[in-house]
N, C-alpha and C. Protein backbone atom coordinates (compact mmCIF):
# COMPACT_ATOMS: atom_id res chain seq x y z
N MET A 1 -12.63 -16.81 6.77
CA MET A 1 -11.88 -15.82 6.01
C MET A 1 -12.63 -14.50 6.05
N ASN A 2 -11.87 -13.42 6.16
CA ASN A 2 -12.41 -12.08 6.15
C ASN A 2 -11.97 -11.42 4.85
N ASP A 3 -12.90 -11.04 3.99
CA ASP A 3 -12.61 -10.49 2.67
C ASP A 3 -13.38 -9.18 2.50
N GLN A 4 -12.68 -8.11 2.14
CA GLN A 4 -13.33 -6.81 1.98
C GLN A 4 -12.86 -6.13 0.70
N THR A 5 -13.76 -5.42 0.04
CA THR A 5 -13.39 -4.63 -1.12
C THR A 5 -13.08 -3.20 -0.67
N PHE A 6 -12.34 -2.48 -1.50
CA PHE A 6 -12.02 -1.10 -1.17
C PHE A 6 -11.93 -0.25 -2.42
N SER A 7 -12.05 1.06 -2.21
CA SER A 7 -11.87 2.04 -3.25
C SER A 7 -11.13 3.22 -2.61
N LEU A 8 -10.03 3.63 -3.23
CA LEU A 8 -9.23 4.72 -2.66
C LEU A 8 -9.65 6.07 -3.23
N GLN A 9 -9.52 7.09 -2.40
CA GLN A 9 -9.88 8.45 -2.77
C GLN A 9 -8.62 9.32 -2.74
N PRO A 10 -8.50 10.26 -3.69
CA PRO A 10 -7.34 11.16 -3.65
C PRO A 10 -7.49 12.19 -2.53
N PHE A 11 -6.35 12.60 -1.98
CA PHE A 11 -6.38 13.69 -1.01
C PHE A 11 -6.87 14.93 -1.75
N PRO A 12 -7.80 15.67 -1.16
CA PRO A 12 -8.33 16.85 -1.85
C PRO A 12 -7.22 17.82 -2.27
N SER A 13 -7.36 18.34 -3.47
CA SER A 13 -6.34 19.22 -4.02
C SER A 13 -7.01 20.28 -4.88
N THR A 14 -6.37 21.43 -4.97
CA THR A 14 -6.86 22.47 -5.87
C THR A 14 -6.33 22.24 -7.27
N LYS A 15 -5.35 21.33 -7.40
CA LYS A 15 -4.78 21.02 -8.72
C LYS A 15 -5.62 19.95 -9.39
N SER A 16 -5.44 19.84 -10.68
CA SER A 16 -6.16 18.84 -11.46
C SER A 16 -5.72 17.43 -11.06
N LEU A 17 -6.70 16.57 -10.78
CA LEU A 17 -6.40 15.20 -10.41
C LEU A 17 -6.49 14.30 -11.64
N PRO A 18 -5.66 13.26 -11.68
CA PRO A 18 -5.72 12.36 -12.83
C PRO A 18 -7.04 11.59 -12.85
N ASN A 19 -7.45 11.19 -14.03
CA ASN A 19 -8.67 10.41 -14.19
C ASN A 19 -8.33 8.94 -13.93
N LEU A 20 -8.28 8.57 -12.66
CA LEU A 20 -7.89 7.22 -12.25
C LEU A 20 -8.92 6.63 -11.30
N LYS A 21 -8.92 5.32 -11.26
CA LYS A 21 -9.70 4.61 -10.25
C LYS A 21 -8.77 3.58 -9.63
N ILE A 22 -8.66 3.63 -8.31
CA ILE A 22 -7.84 2.66 -7.59
C ILE A 22 -8.77 1.93 -6.63
N ALA A 23 -8.90 0.65 -6.84
CA ALA A 23 -9.81 -0.16 -6.04
C ALA A 23 -9.15 -1.52 -5.81
N GLY A 24 -9.87 -2.42 -5.17
CA GLY A 24 -9.33 -3.75 -4.98
C GLY A 24 -10.03 -4.50 -3.87
N ASN A 25 -9.34 -5.52 -3.38
CA ASN A 25 -9.86 -6.28 -2.25
C ASN A 25 -8.71 -6.76 -1.38
N ILE A 26 -9.04 -7.00 -0.13
CA ILE A 26 -8.07 -7.48 0.85
C ILE A 26 -8.75 -8.60 1.63
N ALA A 27 -7.99 -9.66 1.90
CA ALA A 27 -8.55 -10.80 2.62
C ALA A 27 -7.50 -11.36 3.57
N ARG A 28 -7.99 -11.92 4.67
CA ARG A 28 -7.11 -12.59 5.62
C ARG A 28 -7.72 -13.95 5.93
N ASN A 29 -6.89 -14.97 5.76
CA ASN A 29 -7.28 -16.33 6.10
C ASN A 29 -6.20 -16.85 7.04
N ALA A 30 -6.55 -16.97 8.33
CA ALA A 30 -5.57 -17.28 9.38
C ALA A 30 -4.51 -16.16 9.33
N ASN A 31 -3.28 -16.49 9.00
CA ASN A 31 -2.25 -15.44 8.94
C ASN A 31 -1.81 -15.12 7.52
N GLN A 32 -2.56 -15.60 6.54
CA GLN A 32 -2.26 -15.32 5.14
C GLN A 32 -3.05 -14.08 4.73
N LEU A 33 -2.35 -13.04 4.31
CA LEU A 33 -2.99 -11.81 3.86
C LEU A 33 -2.84 -11.70 2.35
N THR A 34 -3.95 -11.44 1.68
CA THR A 34 -3.93 -11.23 0.23
C THR A 34 -4.53 -9.86 -0.04
N ILE A 35 -3.79 -9.07 -0.81
CA ILE A 35 -4.31 -7.76 -1.21
C ILE A 35 -4.13 -7.62 -2.72
N CYS A 36 -5.18 -7.14 -3.36
CA CYS A 36 -5.15 -6.92 -4.80
C CYS A 36 -5.59 -5.49 -5.07
N TYR A 37 -4.71 -4.74 -5.71
CA TYR A 37 -5.04 -3.38 -6.14
C TYR A 37 -5.34 -3.43 -7.63
N THR A 38 -6.33 -2.69 -8.08
CA THR A 38 -6.54 -2.50 -9.51
C THR A 38 -6.45 -1.01 -9.80
N LEU A 39 -5.72 -0.70 -10.85
CA LEU A 39 -5.52 0.69 -11.27
C LEU A 39 -6.11 0.82 -12.65
N GLY A 40 -7.14 1.64 -12.76
CA GLY A 40 -7.80 1.85 -14.05
C GLY A 40 -7.86 3.33 -14.37
N GLY A 41 -8.04 3.63 -15.62
CA GLY A 41 -8.16 5.04 -16.02
C GLY A 41 -7.13 5.43 -17.04
N ASP A 42 -6.80 6.72 -17.02
CA ASP A 42 -5.91 7.32 -18.01
C ASP A 42 -4.47 7.28 -17.50
N PHE A 43 -3.67 6.37 -18.04
CA PHE A 43 -2.29 6.18 -17.56
C PHE A 43 -1.27 7.09 -18.23
N LYS A 44 -1.64 7.77 -19.31
CA LYS A 44 -0.61 8.46 -20.08
C LYS A 44 0.12 9.55 -19.30
N GLU A 45 -0.49 10.06 -18.25
CA GLU A 45 0.16 11.10 -17.45
C GLU A 45 0.84 10.55 -16.19
N ILE A 46 0.79 9.23 -16.00
CA ILE A 46 1.33 8.62 -14.79
C ILE A 46 2.73 8.07 -15.04
N ALA A 47 3.64 8.35 -14.10
CA ALA A 47 4.99 7.78 -14.15
C ALA A 47 4.92 6.39 -13.52
N ILE A 48 4.89 5.37 -14.37
CA ILE A 48 4.72 4.00 -13.88
C ILE A 48 6.06 3.39 -13.51
N GLY A 49 7.12 3.76 -14.15
CA GLY A 49 8.45 3.22 -13.83
C GLY A 49 8.72 1.97 -14.65
N LEU A 50 9.97 1.58 -14.67
CA LEU A 50 10.40 0.43 -15.45
C LEU A 50 10.31 -0.84 -14.61
N THR A 51 9.94 -1.91 -15.27
CA THR A 51 9.89 -3.21 -14.60
C THR A 51 11.31 -3.74 -14.46
N SER A 52 11.65 -4.22 -13.28
CA SER A 52 12.97 -4.74 -13.02
C SER A 52 13.03 -6.24 -13.27
N ASN A 53 14.13 -6.68 -13.87
CA ASN A 53 14.36 -8.12 -14.04
C ASN A 53 14.83 -8.75 -12.74
N ALA A 54 15.28 -7.92 -11.81
CA ALA A 54 15.76 -8.41 -10.51
C ALA A 54 15.14 -7.57 -9.40
N PRO A 55 13.83 -7.74 -9.15
CA PRO A 55 13.18 -6.96 -8.10
C PRO A 55 13.86 -7.19 -6.75
N SER A 56 13.97 -6.13 -5.98
CA SER A 56 14.66 -6.25 -4.70
C SER A 56 14.08 -5.25 -3.70
N ARG A 57 14.56 -5.37 -2.47
CA ARG A 57 14.20 -4.42 -1.42
C ARG A 57 14.84 -3.08 -1.79
N LYS A 58 14.04 -2.04 -1.73
CA LYS A 58 14.53 -0.73 -2.13
C LYS A 58 13.90 0.32 -1.22
N HIS A 59 14.68 1.32 -0.86
CA HIS A 59 14.20 2.40 0.02
C HIS A 59 13.52 3.51 -0.78
N GLU A 60 12.67 4.24 -0.07
CA GLU A 60 12.02 5.45 -0.59
C GLU A 60 11.17 5.22 -1.83
N LEU A 61 10.52 4.08 -1.89
CA LEU A 61 9.64 3.80 -3.03
C LEU A 61 8.49 4.79 -3.10
N TRP A 62 8.12 5.39 -1.97
CA TRP A 62 7.00 6.33 -1.91
C TRP A 62 7.29 7.63 -2.65
N LYS A 63 8.51 7.83 -3.13
CA LYS A 63 8.82 9.04 -3.91
C LYS A 63 8.33 8.91 -5.36
N ASP A 64 7.92 7.70 -5.74
CA ASP A 64 7.40 7.44 -7.07
C ASP A 64 6.05 6.74 -6.92
N THR A 65 5.46 6.32 -8.03
CA THR A 65 4.21 5.57 -7.95
C THR A 65 4.44 4.32 -7.12
N CYS A 66 3.65 4.15 -6.07
CA CYS A 66 3.88 3.08 -5.10
C CYS A 66 2.56 2.69 -4.45
N PHE A 67 2.31 1.40 -4.41
CA PHE A 67 1.13 0.88 -3.71
C PHE A 67 1.57 0.51 -2.30
N GLU A 68 0.79 0.93 -1.32
CA GLU A 68 1.20 0.76 0.08
C GLU A 68 0.03 0.26 0.91
N PHE A 69 0.38 -0.34 2.02
CA PHE A 69 -0.61 -0.54 3.07
C PHE A 69 0.10 -0.51 4.41
N PHE A 70 -0.65 -0.07 5.40
CA PHE A 70 -0.15 0.07 6.76
C PHE A 70 -0.93 -0.91 7.62
N LEU A 71 -0.21 -1.69 8.40
CA LEU A 71 -0.83 -2.76 9.17
C LEU A 71 -0.45 -2.61 10.64
N GLY A 72 -1.45 -2.52 11.49
CA GLY A 72 -1.22 -2.42 12.92
C GLY A 72 -1.98 -3.50 13.66
N ILE A 73 -1.51 -3.81 14.84
CA ILE A 73 -2.21 -4.76 15.71
C ILE A 73 -3.17 -3.95 16.57
N LYS A 74 -4.41 -4.43 16.66
CA LYS A 74 -5.41 -3.73 17.48
C LYS A 74 -4.88 -3.53 18.89
N ASP A 75 -5.06 -2.33 19.44
CA ASP A 75 -4.64 -1.94 20.79
C ASP A 75 -3.13 -1.95 20.99
N SER A 76 -2.37 -1.80 19.91
CA SER A 76 -0.91 -1.70 20.01
C SER A 76 -0.47 -0.50 19.18
N ALA A 77 0.55 0.20 19.64
CA ALA A 77 1.07 1.36 18.90
C ALA A 77 1.93 0.93 17.71
N ARG A 78 2.51 -0.27 17.77
CA ARG A 78 3.40 -0.75 16.71
C ARG A 78 2.62 -0.96 15.42
N TYR A 79 3.28 -0.64 14.28
CA TYR A 79 2.68 -0.89 12.98
C TYR A 79 3.76 -1.06 11.92
N TRP A 80 3.35 -1.55 10.76
CA TRP A 80 4.25 -1.81 9.64
C TRP A 80 3.75 -1.08 8.40
N GLU A 81 4.70 -0.65 7.58
CA GLU A 81 4.40 -0.03 6.28
C GLU A 81 4.96 -0.94 5.19
N PHE A 82 4.09 -1.39 4.30
CA PHE A 82 4.48 -2.24 3.17
C PHE A 82 4.46 -1.37 1.91
N ASN A 83 5.55 -1.36 1.15
CA ASN A 83 5.65 -0.59 -0.10
C ASN A 83 5.87 -1.54 -1.27
N LEU A 84 5.10 -1.36 -2.34
CA LEU A 84 5.19 -2.21 -3.52
C LEU A 84 5.20 -1.33 -4.77
N SER A 85 6.24 -1.45 -5.58
CA SER A 85 6.30 -0.63 -6.80
C SER A 85 5.87 -1.46 -8.00
N LEU A 86 5.37 -0.79 -9.02
CA LEU A 86 4.97 -1.47 -10.24
C LEU A 86 6.17 -2.09 -10.94
N GLY A 87 7.38 -1.61 -10.63
CA GLY A 87 8.60 -2.17 -11.20
C GLY A 87 9.04 -3.45 -10.52
N GLY A 88 8.36 -3.83 -9.42
CA GLY A 88 8.69 -5.08 -8.73
C GLY A 88 9.46 -4.90 -7.44
N HIS A 89 9.95 -3.69 -7.16
CA HIS A 89 10.69 -3.45 -5.92
C HIS A 89 9.73 -3.35 -4.74
N TRP A 90 10.25 -3.54 -3.55
CA TRP A 90 9.41 -3.61 -2.35
C TRP A 90 10.22 -3.21 -1.12
N ASN A 91 9.50 -2.97 -0.03
CA ASN A 91 10.12 -2.82 1.28
C ASN A 91 9.03 -2.92 2.35
N VAL A 92 9.46 -3.24 3.55
CA VAL A 92 8.59 -3.29 4.73
C VAL A 92 9.34 -2.60 5.85
N TYR A 93 8.68 -1.64 6.50
CA TYR A 93 9.25 -0.92 7.64
C TYR A 93 8.39 -1.16 8.87
N ARG A 94 9.05 -1.21 10.02
CA ARG A 94 8.36 -1.35 11.30
C ARG A 94 8.50 -0.04 12.06
N PHE A 95 7.41 0.37 12.70
CA PHE A 95 7.40 1.59 13.52
C PHE A 95 6.96 1.21 14.92
N ASP A 96 7.56 1.85 15.93
CA ASP A 96 7.18 1.60 17.32
C ASP A 96 5.92 2.36 17.71
N ASP A 97 5.70 3.50 17.07
CA ASP A 97 4.56 4.37 17.34
C ASP A 97 4.47 5.32 16.15
N TYR A 98 3.55 6.27 16.18
CA TYR A 98 3.34 7.19 15.06
C TYR A 98 4.66 7.81 14.59
N ARG A 99 5.12 7.36 13.42
CA ARG A 99 6.34 7.85 12.78
C ARG A 99 7.59 7.75 13.68
N GLN A 100 7.58 6.85 14.64
CA GLN A 100 8.69 6.71 15.59
C GLN A 100 9.37 5.35 15.42
N GLY A 101 10.71 5.36 15.49
CA GLY A 101 11.48 4.12 15.49
C GLY A 101 11.45 3.38 14.17
N MET A 102 11.36 4.09 13.06
CA MET A 102 11.31 3.43 11.76
C MET A 102 12.54 2.59 11.51
N GLN A 103 12.32 1.32 11.19
CA GLN A 103 13.42 0.46 10.78
C GLN A 103 12.93 -0.58 9.79
N GLU A 104 13.83 -1.01 8.94
CA GLU A 104 13.49 -2.03 7.98
C GLU A 104 13.07 -3.30 8.72
N GLU A 105 11.97 -3.90 8.31
CA GLU A 105 11.51 -5.14 8.95
C GLU A 105 12.27 -6.31 8.33
N THR A 106 13.22 -6.86 9.10
CA THR A 106 14.09 -7.92 8.58
C THR A 106 13.43 -9.30 8.60
N ALA A 107 12.23 -9.42 9.18
CA ALA A 107 11.52 -10.71 9.15
C ALA A 107 11.18 -11.11 7.71
N PHE A 108 11.12 -10.13 6.81
CA PHE A 108 10.83 -10.41 5.40
C PHE A 108 12.12 -10.25 4.59
N THR A 109 12.52 -11.31 3.92
CA THR A 109 13.69 -11.24 3.04
C THR A 109 13.27 -11.18 1.57
N THR A 110 12.01 -11.53 1.31
CA THR A 110 11.41 -11.36 -0.02
C THR A 110 9.95 -10.97 0.20
N LEU A 111 9.39 -10.39 -0.79
CA LEU A 111 7.97 -10.04 -0.74
C LEU A 111 7.43 -10.24 -2.16
N PRO A 112 7.19 -11.49 -2.52
CA PRO A 112 6.77 -11.76 -3.90
C PRO A 112 5.36 -11.28 -4.18
N PHE A 113 5.24 -10.50 -5.23
CA PHE A 113 3.93 -10.03 -5.68
C PHE A 113 3.97 -9.95 -7.20
N SER A 114 2.82 -9.85 -7.81
CA SER A 114 2.77 -9.80 -9.27
C SER A 114 2.07 -8.53 -9.73
N VAL A 115 2.48 -8.06 -10.88
CA VAL A 115 1.83 -6.94 -11.55
C VAL A 115 1.36 -7.47 -12.90
N GLN A 116 0.07 -7.32 -13.16
CA GLN A 116 -0.50 -7.88 -14.38
C GLN A 116 -1.18 -6.78 -15.19
N ASN A 117 -0.88 -6.77 -16.48
CA ASN A 117 -1.61 -5.88 -17.39
C ASN A 117 -2.96 -6.50 -17.66
N GLN A 118 -3.99 -5.69 -17.59
CA GLN A 118 -5.35 -6.14 -17.88
C GLN A 118 -5.92 -5.26 -18.97
N ALA A 119 -7.03 -5.70 -19.56
CA ALA A 119 -7.63 -4.95 -20.67
C ALA A 119 -7.93 -3.51 -20.28
N ASP A 120 -8.36 -3.30 -19.02
CA ASP A 120 -8.76 -1.96 -18.60
C ASP A 120 -7.85 -1.37 -17.53
N GLY A 121 -6.63 -1.88 -17.40
CA GLY A 121 -5.72 -1.31 -16.41
C GLY A 121 -4.65 -2.28 -15.96
N LEU A 122 -4.25 -2.10 -14.72
CA LEU A 122 -3.22 -2.93 -14.10
C LEU A 122 -3.75 -3.52 -12.81
N ALA A 123 -3.21 -4.68 -12.45
CA ALA A 123 -3.53 -5.28 -11.16
C ALA A 123 -2.22 -5.64 -10.47
N LEU A 124 -2.15 -5.35 -9.18
CA LEU A 124 -1.00 -5.72 -8.36
C LEU A 124 -1.55 -6.64 -7.27
N VAL A 125 -0.97 -7.83 -7.13
CA VAL A 125 -1.46 -8.82 -6.17
C VAL A 125 -0.31 -9.29 -5.28
N LEU A 126 -0.55 -9.21 -3.98
CA LEU A 126 0.41 -9.69 -2.98
C LEU A 126 -0.28 -10.72 -2.11
N ASP A 127 0.41 -11.83 -1.86
CA ASP A 127 -0.06 -12.87 -0.96
C ASP A 127 1.09 -13.11 0.02
N VAL A 128 0.89 -12.75 1.29
CA VAL A 128 2.00 -12.78 2.24
C VAL A 128 1.58 -13.45 3.55
N ASP A 129 2.50 -14.22 4.10
CA ASP A 129 2.30 -14.85 5.40
C ASP A 129 2.73 -13.85 6.47
N LEU A 130 1.79 -13.42 7.30
CA LEU A 130 2.09 -12.45 8.35
C LEU A 130 2.64 -13.10 9.62
N GLY A 131 2.76 -14.42 9.62
CA GLY A 131 3.22 -15.15 10.80
C GLY A 131 4.60 -14.73 11.28
N LYS A 132 5.36 -14.09 10.44
CA LYS A 132 6.69 -13.62 10.83
C LYS A 132 6.64 -12.40 11.75
N ILE A 133 5.48 -11.72 11.76
CA ILE A 133 5.39 -10.49 12.56
C ILE A 133 4.23 -10.47 13.55
N ILE A 134 3.18 -11.27 13.31
CA ILE A 134 2.03 -11.30 14.22
C ILE A 134 1.51 -12.72 14.35
N SER A 135 0.71 -12.94 15.38
CA SER A 135 0.07 -14.26 15.50
C SER A 135 -1.32 -14.19 14.89
N GLU A 136 -1.82 -15.34 14.46
CA GLU A 136 -3.09 -15.35 13.72
C GLU A 136 -4.30 -14.98 14.56
N ASN A 137 -4.17 -15.02 15.88
CA ASN A 137 -5.32 -14.65 16.72
C ASN A 137 -5.38 -13.15 17.00
N GLN A 138 -4.40 -12.39 16.52
CA GLN A 138 -4.41 -10.95 16.73
C GLN A 138 -5.23 -10.27 15.65
N THR A 139 -6.11 -9.36 16.05
CA THR A 139 -6.87 -8.56 15.09
C THR A 139 -5.95 -7.49 14.53
N ILE A 140 -5.99 -7.35 13.21
CA ILE A 140 -5.18 -6.31 12.59
C ILE A 140 -6.08 -5.21 12.04
N GLU A 141 -5.49 -4.01 11.98
CA GLU A 141 -6.14 -2.83 11.41
C GLU A 141 -5.27 -2.36 10.25
N VAL A 142 -5.90 -2.10 9.11
CA VAL A 142 -5.13 -1.83 7.90
C VAL A 142 -5.57 -0.50 7.29
N GLY A 143 -4.58 0.27 6.88
CA GLY A 143 -4.79 1.46 6.07
C GLY A 143 -4.26 1.15 4.68
N ILE A 144 -5.07 1.33 3.66
CA ILE A 144 -4.67 1.00 2.29
C ILE A 144 -4.48 2.31 1.54
N THR A 145 -3.32 2.44 0.88
CA THR A 145 -2.93 3.71 0.30
C THR A 145 -2.18 3.52 -1.02
N THR A 146 -2.04 4.59 -1.76
CA THR A 146 -1.25 4.58 -2.99
C THR A 146 -0.71 5.99 -3.22
N VAL A 147 0.52 6.04 -3.69
CA VAL A 147 1.13 7.29 -4.14
C VAL A 147 1.19 7.22 -5.66
N ILE A 148 0.68 8.24 -6.32
CA ILE A 148 0.73 8.30 -7.78
C ILE A 148 1.60 9.49 -8.18
N LYS A 149 2.68 9.19 -8.91
CA LYS A 149 3.54 10.25 -9.41
C LYS A 149 3.21 10.49 -10.88
N HIS A 150 3.00 11.74 -11.20
CA HIS A 150 2.66 12.14 -12.56
C HIS A 150 3.95 12.39 -13.35
N ARG A 151 3.85 12.32 -14.64
CA ARG A 151 5.04 12.53 -15.49
C ARG A 151 5.65 13.91 -15.28
N ASP A 152 4.84 14.89 -14.88
CA ASP A 152 5.36 16.24 -14.65
C ASP A 152 5.99 16.39 -13.26
N GLY A 153 6.02 15.29 -12.48
CA GLY A 153 6.62 15.33 -11.15
C GLY A 153 5.64 15.54 -10.02
N GLU A 154 4.43 15.97 -10.34
CA GLU A 154 3.39 16.16 -9.32
C GLU A 154 3.04 14.80 -8.70
N VAL A 155 2.73 14.81 -7.40
CA VAL A 155 2.38 13.58 -6.69
C VAL A 155 1.00 13.74 -6.08
N THR A 156 0.17 12.68 -6.21
CA THR A 156 -1.12 12.66 -5.53
C THR A 156 -1.14 11.47 -4.57
N TYR A 157 -1.90 11.63 -3.50
CA TYR A 157 -1.94 10.64 -2.42
C TYR A 157 -3.36 10.10 -2.31
N TRP A 158 -3.50 8.78 -2.37
CA TRP A 158 -4.78 8.10 -2.39
C TRP A 158 -4.89 7.21 -1.16
N ALA A 159 -6.06 7.18 -0.53
CA ALA A 159 -6.26 6.36 0.66
C ALA A 159 -7.73 6.04 0.83
N LEU A 160 -8.00 5.10 1.72
CA LEU A 160 -9.39 4.78 2.06
C LEU A 160 -10.09 5.99 2.66
N THR A 161 -9.35 6.71 3.47
CA THR A 161 -9.86 7.91 4.13
C THR A 161 -8.67 8.82 4.42
N HIS A 162 -8.92 10.10 4.45
CA HIS A 162 -7.89 11.09 4.79
C HIS A 162 -8.35 11.79 6.06
N ARG A 163 -7.67 11.52 7.17
CA ARG A 163 -8.12 12.04 8.46
C ARG A 163 -7.38 13.29 8.91
N GLY A 164 -6.31 13.66 8.21
CA GLY A 164 -5.53 14.81 8.64
C GLY A 164 -5.71 16.01 7.72
N ALA A 165 -5.17 17.16 8.17
CA ALA A 165 -5.22 18.38 7.36
C ALA A 165 -4.30 18.26 6.15
N GLU A 166 -3.31 17.38 6.23
CA GLU A 166 -2.41 17.08 5.12
C GLU A 166 -2.48 15.58 4.87
N ALA A 167 -2.05 15.16 3.69
CA ALA A 167 -2.02 13.72 3.40
C ALA A 167 -1.01 13.07 4.34
N ASP A 168 -1.48 12.14 5.15
CA ASP A 168 -0.62 11.46 6.13
C ASP A 168 -1.13 10.04 6.33
N PHE A 169 -0.47 9.09 5.66
CA PHE A 169 -0.89 7.70 5.71
C PHE A 169 -0.61 7.05 7.06
N HIS A 170 0.21 7.66 7.90
CA HIS A 170 0.60 7.06 9.18
C HIS A 170 -0.42 7.28 10.30
N LEU A 171 -1.40 8.13 10.08
CA LEU A 171 -2.39 8.39 11.13
C LEU A 171 -3.16 7.11 11.44
N ARG A 172 -3.07 6.66 12.67
CA ARG A 172 -3.63 5.37 13.04
C ARG A 172 -5.16 5.32 12.89
N ASP A 173 -5.84 6.44 13.03
CA ASP A 173 -7.29 6.38 12.87
C ASP A 173 -7.72 6.26 11.41
N SER A 174 -6.74 6.18 10.49
CA SER A 174 -7.07 5.91 9.10
C SER A 174 -6.85 4.42 8.75
N PHE A 175 -6.44 3.61 9.73
CA PHE A 175 -6.34 2.16 9.54
C PHE A 175 -7.73 1.58 9.80
N ILE A 176 -8.61 1.70 8.82
CA ILE A 176 -10.03 1.44 9.08
C ILE A 176 -10.50 0.03 8.66
N VAL A 177 -9.68 -0.73 8.00
CA VAL A 177 -10.07 -2.10 7.65
C VAL A 177 -9.67 -3.00 8.83
N LYS A 178 -10.61 -3.75 9.35
CA LYS A 178 -10.36 -4.66 10.48
C LYS A 178 -10.39 -6.09 9.97
N LEU A 179 -9.32 -6.84 10.20
CA LEU A 179 -9.23 -8.23 9.76
C LEU A 179 -8.78 -9.13 10.91
């Protein structure tokens, strides 16, 4: 099993950044991927959204607070974007190359994950079988990201690394976790 911890950094901004900490761990055991995000800090200025009694696939989750990761196969241009909202909604998109050929990944009909309140914050945990899209002998490269929407409408972008002049989670050289 390959298990790594992470801590996300906000994209540099001249505006005031929220007092937050986004960290977690990611692990791969054969083709089972587990990712856990923890969100700690001052939530009063964050638009968390309402929890849904019927979580479903939903588009444009990145317009609100959304936990994301980008998964690519080593030496391949193809990659996937996984979106998870604190309200329980989700989506997975497949890309043929950098921002090209975006389409909903139909191999996933559900993406069960949990959001848990903790004494010092929130935790979001996803455990997913990647066998629907890759084989277990393929090395994957992962970019771990989060979009935080503030109550005033301002949005901040958090990632393991920011490699572009603007916040851009799709840049393949920011997929720095190897599993």
